């Protein structure tokens, strides 16, 4: 596993947290929620390939 993906996820988390706070303080709770969901979807798209590799490894290990 590359360490870059961890830093990318952390950067997205920090960016989403800042945007969320700015939008909530501006009274735009709906946009804050959509920003949070968009950040989650982006991170899930990045992580899904690693989850697939994990399942393949477990399948190979236990010969399922």
PDB file of N, CA and C in Angstrom:
ATOM      1  N   UNK A   1       0.841  -1.181   0.000  1.00  0.00           N
ATOM      2  CA  UNK A   1       0.000   0.000   0.000  1.00  0.00           C
ATOM      3  C   UNK A   1       0.882   1.239   0.000  1.00  0.00           C
ATOM      4  N   UNK A   2       0.508   2.178  -0.810  1.00  0.00           N
ATOM      5  CA  UNK A   2       1.276   3.403  -0.901  1.00  0.00           C
ATOM      6  C   UNK A   2       0.868   4.367   0.204  1.00  0.00           C
ATOM      7  N   UNK A   3       1.830   5.118   0.688  1.00  0.00           N
ATOM      8  CA  UNK A   3       1.555   6.084   1.746  1.00  0.00           C
ATOM      9  C   UNK A   3       0.875   7.328   1.168  1.00  0.00           C
ATOM     10  N   UNK A   4       0.995   7.541  -0.137  1.00  0.00           N
ATOM     11  CA  UNK A   4       0.397   8.723  -0.763  1.00  0.00           C
ATOM     12  C   UNK A   4      -1.118   8.741  -0.606  1.00  0.00           C
ATOM     13  N   UNK A   5      -1.751   7.588  -0.658  1.00  0.00           N
ATOM     14  CA  UNK A   5      -3.208   7.541  -0.538  1.00  0.00           C
ATOM     15  C   UNK A   5      -3.648   8.020   0.845  1.00  0.00           C
ATOM     16  N   UNK A   6      -2.849   7.747   1.863  1.00  0.00           N
ATOM     17  CA  UNK A   6      -3.177   8.198   3.215  1.00  0.00           C
ATOM     18  C   UNK A   6      -3.130   9.721   3.283  1.00  0.00           C
ATOM     19  N   UNK A   7      -2.102  10.303   2.667  1.00  0.00           N
ATOM     20  CA  UNK A   7      -1.988  11.758   2.655  1.00  0.00           C
ATOM     21  C   UNK A   7      -3.100  12.403   1.824  1.00  0.00           C
ATOM     22  N   UNK A   8      -3.487  11.770   0.731  1.00  0.00           N
ATOM     23  CA  UNK A   8      -4.578  12.295  -0.088  1.00  0.00           C
ATOM     24  C   UNK A   8      -5.896  12.273   0.677  1.00  0.00           C
ATOM     25  N   UNK A   9      -6.153  11.188   1.390  1.00  0.00           N
ATOM     26  CA  UNK A   9      -7.383  11.090   2.179  1.00  0.00           C
ATOM     27  C   UNK A   9      -7.378  12.135   3.290  1.00  0.00           C
ATOM     28  N   UNK A  10      -6.226  12.328   3.922  1.00  0.00           N
ATOM     29  CA  UNK A  10      -6.131  13.342   4.980  1.00  0.00           C
ATOM     30  C   UNK A  10      -6.368  14.738   4.412  1.00  0.00           C
ATOM     31  N   UNK A  11      -5.822  15.014   3.239  1.00  0.00           N
ATOM     32  CA  UNK A  11      -6.008  16.329   2.613  1.00  0.00           C
ATOM     33  C   UNK A  11      -7.477  16.573   2.276  1.00  0.00           C
ATOM     34  N   UNK A  12      -8.141  15.567   1.749  1.00  0.00           N
ATOM     35  CA  UNK A  12      -9.567  15.709   1.444  1.00  0.00           C
ATOM     36  C   UNK A  12     -10.363  15.904   2.726  1.00  0.00           C
ATOM     37  N   UNK A  13     -10.008  15.186   3.769  1.00  0.00           N
ATOM     38  CA  UNK A  13     -10.696  15.337   5.047  1.00  0.00           C
ATOM     39  C   UNK A  13     -10.552  16.732   5.611  1.00  0.00           C
ATOM     40  N   UNK A  14      -9.353  17.278   5.568  1.00  0.00           N
ATOM     41  CA  UNK A  14      -9.125  18.635   6.071  1.00  0.00           C
ATOM     42  C   UNK A  14      -9.882  19.650   5.233  1.00  0.00           C
ATOM     43  N   UNK A  15      -9.822  19.507   3.918  1.00  0.00           N
ATOM     44  CA  UNK A  15     -10.522  20.431   3.026  1.00  0.00           C
ATOM     45  C   UNK A  15     -12.033  20.384   3.242  1.00  0.00           C
ATOM     46  N   UNK A  16     -12.585  19.196   3.357  1.00  0.00           N
ATOM     47  CA  UNK A  16     -14.024  19.056   3.572  1.00  0.00           C
ATOM     48  C   UNK A  16     -14.427  19.618   4.932  1.00  0.00           C
ATOM     49  N   UNK A  17     -13.607  19.403   5.948  1.00  0.00           N
ATOM     50  CA  UNK A  17     -13.918  19.931   7.277  1.00  0.00           C
ATOM     51  C   UNK A  17     -13.944  21.457   7.280  1.00  0.00           C
ATOM     52  N   UNK A  18     -12.979  22.068   6.607  1.00  0.00           N
ATOM     53  CA  UNK A  18     -12.940  23.535   6.537  1.00  0.00           C
ATOM     54  C   UNK A  18     -14.134  24.066   5.763  1.00  0.00           C
ATOM     55  N   UNK A  19     -14.404  23.461   4.604  1.00  0.00           N
ATOM     56  CA  UNK A  19     -15.559  23.903   3.813  1.00  0.00           C
ATOM     57  C   UNK A  19     -16.861  23.707   4.569  1.00  0.00           C
ATOM     58  N   UNK A  20     -16.967  22.623   5.295  1.00  0.00           N
ATOM     59  CA  UNK A  20     -18.166  22.355   6.074  1.00  0.00           C
ATOM     60  C   UNK A  20     -18.385  23.442   7.120  1.00  0.00           C
ATOM     61  N   UNK A  21     -17.337  23.795   7.849  1.00  0.00           N
ATOM     62  CA  UNK A  21     -17.459  24.826   8.873  1.00  0.00           C
ATOM     63  C   UNK A  21     -17.809  26.184   8.278  1.00  0.00           C
ATOM     64  N   UNK A  22     -17.201  26.518   7.157  1.00  0.00           N
ATOM     65  CA  UNK A  22     -17.497  27.802   6.504  1.00  0.00           C
ATOM     66  C   UNK A  22     -18.951  27.846   6.054  1.00  0.00           C
ATOM     67  N   UNK A  23     -19.416  26.774   5.455  1.00  0.00           N
ATOM     68  CA  UNK A  23     -20.790  26.751   4.960  1.00  0.00           C
ATOM     69  C   UNK A  23     -21.809  26.742   6.096  1.00  0.00           C
ATOM     70  N   UNK A  24     -21.528  26.043   7.178  1.00  0.00           N
ATOM     71  CA  UNK A  24     -22.451  26.017   8.315  1.00  0.00           C
ATOM     72  C   UNK A  24     -22.544  27.406   8.936  1.00  0.00           C
ATOM     73  N   UNK A  25     -21.416  28.064   9.081  1.00  0.00           N
ATOM     74  CA  UNK A  25     -21.432  29.414   9.676  1.00  0.00           C
ATOM     75  C   UNK A  25     -22.118  30.427   8.763  1.00  0.00           C
ATOM     76  N   UNK A  26     -22.132  30.150   7.463  1.00  0.00           N
ATOM     77  CA  UNK A  26     -22.808  31.039   6.524  1.00  0.00           C
ATOM     78  C   UNK A  26     -24.301  30.725   6.435  1.00  0.00           C
ATOM     79  N   UNK A  27     -24.758  29.695   7.158  1.00  0.00           N
ATOM     80  CA  UNK A  27     -26.168  29.345   7.154  1.00  0.00           C
ATOM     81  C   UNK A  27     -26.580  28.464   5.989  1.00  0.00           C
ATOM     82  N   UNK A  28     -25.637  27.792   5.383  1.00  0.00           N
ATOM     83  CA  UNK A  28     -25.926  26.920   4.236  1.00  0.00           C
ATOM     84  C   UNK A  28     -25.664  25.466   4.626  1.00  0.00           C
ATOM     85  N   UNK A  29     -26.543  24.955   5.472  1.00  0.00           N
ATOM     86  CA  UNK A  29     -26.362  23.601   5.984  1.00  0.00           C
ATOM     87  C   UNK A  29     -26.509  22.538   4.901  1.00  0.00           C
ATOM     88  N   UNK A  30     -27.412  22.774   3.935  1.00  0.00           N
ATOM     89  CA  UNK A  30     -27.614  21.785   2.866  1.00  0.00           C
ATOM     90  C   UNK A  30     -26.352  21.637   2.020  1.00  0.00           C
ATOM     91  N   UNK A  31     -25.730  22.761   1.663  1.00  0.00           N
ATOM     92  CA  UNK A  31     -24.502  22.701   0.872  1.00  0.00           C
ATOM     93  C   UNK A  31     -23.360  22.073   1.680  1.00  0.00           C
ATOM     94  N   UNK A  32     -23.347  22.313   2.993  1.00  0.00           N
ATOM     95  CA  UNK A  32     -22.328  21.701   3.840  1.00  0.00           C
ATOM     96  C   UNK A  32     -22.475  20.180   3.837  1.00  0.00           C
ATOM     97  N   UNK A  33     -23.700  19.701   3.923  1.00  0.00           N
ATOM     98  CA  UNK A  33     -23.939  18.258   3.890  1.00  0.00           C
ATOM     99  C   UNK A  33     -23.556  17.666   2.542  1.00  0.00           C
ATOM    100  N   UNK A  34     -23.876  18.364   1.468  1.00  0.00           N
ATOM    101  CA  UNK A  34     -23.521  17.871   0.129  1.00  0.00           C
ATOM    102  C   UNK A  34     -22.004  17.845  -0.060  1.00  0.00           C
ATOM    103  N   UNK A  35     -21.309  18.826   0.491  1.00  0.00           N
ATOM    104  CA  UNK A  35     -19.848  18.844   0.412  1.00  0.00           C
ATOM    105  C   UNK A  35     -19.258  17.653   1.163  1.00  0.00           C
ATOM    106  N   UNK A  36     -19.803  17.354   2.321  1.00  0.00           N
ATOM    107  CA  UNK A  36     -19.336  16.213   3.103  1.00  0.00           C
ATOM    108  C   UNK A  36     -19.576  14.904   2.352  1.00  0.00           C
ATOM    109  N   UNK A  37     -20.742  14.768   1.770  1.00  0.00           N
ATOM    110  CA  UNK A  37     -21.044  13.551   1.006  1.00  0.00           C
ATOM    111  C   UNK A  37     -20.158  13.425  -0.228  1.00  0.00           C
ATOM    112  N   UNK A  38     -19.895  14.538  -0.893  1.00  0.00           N
ATOM    113  CA  UNK A  38     -19.018  14.507  -2.072  1.00  0.00           C
ATOM    114  C   UNK A  38     -17.605  14.082  -1.676  1.00  0.00           C
ATOM    115  N   UNK A  39     -17.111  14.588  -0.558  1.00  0.00           N
ATOM    116  CA  UNK A  39     -15.791  14.169  -0.083  1.00  0.00           C
ATOM    117  C   UNK A  39     -15.753  12.693   0.236  1.00  0.00           C
ATOM    118  N   UNK A  40     -16.809  12.188   0.844  1.00  0.00           N
ATOM    119  CA  UNK A  40     -16.887  10.764   1.162  1.00  0.00           C
ATOM    120  C   UNK A  40     -16.878   9.907  -0.102  1.00  0.00           C
ATOM    121  N   UNK A  41     -17.621  10.321  -1.097  1.00  0.00           N
ATOM    122  CA  UNK A  41     -17.679   9.561  -2.357  1.00  0.00           C
ATOM    123  C   UNK A  41     -16.321   9.555  -3.045  1.00  0.00           C
ATOM    124  N   UNK A  42     -15.639  10.685  -3.056  1.00  0.00           N
ATOM    125  CA  UNK A  42     -14.315  10.748  -3.682  1.00  0.00           C
ATOM    126  C   UNK A  42     -13.350   9.795  -2.990  1.00  0.00           C
ATOM    127  N   UNK A  43     -13.349   9.805  -1.669  1.00  0.00           N
ATOM    128  CA  UNK A  43     -12.444   8.927  -0.924  1.00  0.00           C
ATOM    129  C   UNK A  43     -12.817   7.466  -1.137  1.00  0.00           C
ATOM    130  N   UNK A  44     -14.094   7.150  -1.189  1.00  0.00           N
ATOM    131  CA  UNK A  44     -14.503   5.764  -1.425  1.00  0.00           C
ATOM    132  C   UNK A  44     -14.070   5.272  -2.798  1.00  0.00           C
ATOM    133  N   UNK A  45     -14.121   6.140  -3.813  1.00  0.00           N
ATOM    134  CA  UNK A  45     -13.643   5.744  -5.133  1.00  0.00           C
ATOM    135  C   UNK A  45     -12.144   5.449  -5.118  1.00  0.00           C
ATOM    136  N   UNK A  46     -11.390   6.196  -4.320  1.00  0.00           N
ATOM    137  CA  UNK A  46      -9.954   5.938  -4.215  1.00  0.00           C
ATOM    138  C   UNK A  46      -9.677   4.640  -3.477  1.00  0.00           C
ATOM    139  N   UNK A  47     -10.450   4.349  -2.446  1.00  0.00           N
ATOM    140  CA  UNK A  47     -10.159   3.224  -1.560  1.00  0.00           C
ATOM    141  C   UNK A  47     -10.709   1.908  -2.105  1.00  0.00           C
ATOM    142  N   UNK A  48     -11.692   1.961  -2.980  1.00  0.00           N
ATOM    143  CA  UNK A  48     -12.361   0.733  -3.411  1.00  0.00           C
ATOM    144  C   UNK A  48     -11.409  -0.233  -4.116  1.00  0.00           C
ATOM    145  N   UNK A  49     -10.398   0.280  -4.817  1.00  0.00           N
ATOM    146  CA  UNK A  49      -9.444  -0.625  -5.462  1.00  0.00           C
ATOM    147  C   UNK A  49      -8.600  -1.370  -4.423  1.00  0.00           C
ATOM    148  N   UNK A  50      -8.285  -0.719  -3.314  1.00  0.00           N
ATOM    149  CA  UNK A  50      -7.528  -1.387  -2.253  1.00  0.00           C
ATOM    150  C   UNK A  50      -8.386  -2.430  -1.542  1.00  0.00           C
ATOM    151  N   UNK A  51      -9.659  -2.163  -1.382  1.00  0.00           N
ATOM    152  CA  UNK A  51     -10.564  -3.138  -0.775  1.00  0.00           C
ATOM    153  C   UNK A  51     -10.697  -4.364  -1.680  1.00  0.00           C
ATOM    154  N   UNK A  52     -10.784  -4.137  -2.980  1.00  0.00           N
ATOM    155  CA  UNK A  52     -10.850  -5.246  -3.924  1.00  0.00           C
ATOM    156  C   UNK A  52      -9.592  -6.104  -3.855  1.00  0.00           C
ATOM    157  N   UNK A  53      -8.441  -5.465  -3.784  1.00  0.00           N
ATOM    158  CA  UNK A  53      -7.180  -6.198  -3.655  1.00  0.00           C
ATOM    159  C   UNK A  53      -7.142  -6.992  -2.351  1.00  0.00           C
ATOM    160  N   UNK A  54      -7.657  -6.412  -1.273  1.00  0.00           N
ATOM    161  CA  UNK A  54      -7.707  -7.117   0.006  1.00  0.00           C
ATOM    162  C   UNK A  54      -8.562  -8.371  -0.098  1.00  0.00           C
ATOM    163  N   UNK A  55      -9.740  -8.266  -0.722  1.00  0.00           N
ATOM    164  CA  UNK A  55     -10.606  -9.435  -0.869  1.00  0.00           C
ATOM    165  C   UNK A  55      -9.954 -10.502  -1.731  1.00  0.00           C
ATOM    166  N   UNK A  56      -9.271 -10.107  -2.799  1.00  0.00           N
ATOM    167  CA  UNK A  56      -8.574 -11.080  -3.632  1.00  0.00           C
ATOM    168  C   UNK A  56      -7.474 -11.792  -2.855  1.00  0.00           C
ATOM    169  N   UNK A  57      -6.763 -11.050  -2.028  1.00  0.00           N
ATOM    170  CA  UNK A  57      -5.694 -11.644  -1.221  1.00  0.00           C
ATOM    171  C   UNK A  57      -6.256 -12.628  -0.209  1.00  0.00           C
ATOM    172  N   UNK A  58      -7.353 -12.268   0.438  1.00  0.00           N
ATOM    173  CA  UNK A  58      -7.975 -13.166   1.415  1.00  0.00           C
ATOM    174  C   UNK A  58      -8.492 -14.416   0.715  1.00  0.00           C
ATOM    175  N   UNK A  59      -9.077 -14.240  -0.470  1.00  0.00           N
ATOM    176  CA  UNK A  59      -9.558 -15.395  -1.227  1.00  0.00           C
ATOM    177  C   UNK A  59      -8.410 -16.325  -1.583  1.00  0.00           C
ATOM    178  N   UNK A  60      -7.308 -15.770  -2.020  1.00  0.00           N
ATOM    179  CA  UNK A  60      -6.149 -16.583  -2.384  1.00  0.00           C
ATOM    180  C   UNK A  60      -5.550 -17.266  -1.150  1.00  0.00           C
ATOM    181  N   UNK A  61      -5.502 -16.535  -0.050  1.00  0.00           N
ATOM    182  CA  UNK A  61      -4.898 -17.072   1.171  1.00  0.00           C
ATOM    183  C   UNK A  61      -5.663 -18.271   1.698  1.00  0.00           C
ATOM    184  N   UNK A  62      -6.976 -18.176   1.718  1.00  0.00           N
ATOM    185  CA  UNK A  62      -7.800 -19.257   2.245  1.00  0.00           C
ATOM    186  C   UNK A  62      -8.334 -20.187   1.160  1.00  0.00           C
ATOM    187  N   UNK A  63      -7.939 -19.960  -0.078  1.00  0.00           N
ATOM    188  CA  UNK A  63      -8.327 -20.777  -1.232  1.00  0.00           C
ATOM    189  C   UNK A  63      -9.838 -20.967  -1.310  1.00  0.00           C
ATOM    190  N   UNK A  64     -10.546 -19.863  -1.243  1.00  0.00           N
ATOM    191  CA  UNK A  64     -12.004 -19.897  -1.303  1.00  0.00           C
ATOM    192  C   UNK A  64     -12.442 -19.855  -2.752  1.00  0.00           C
TER     193      UNK A  64
END
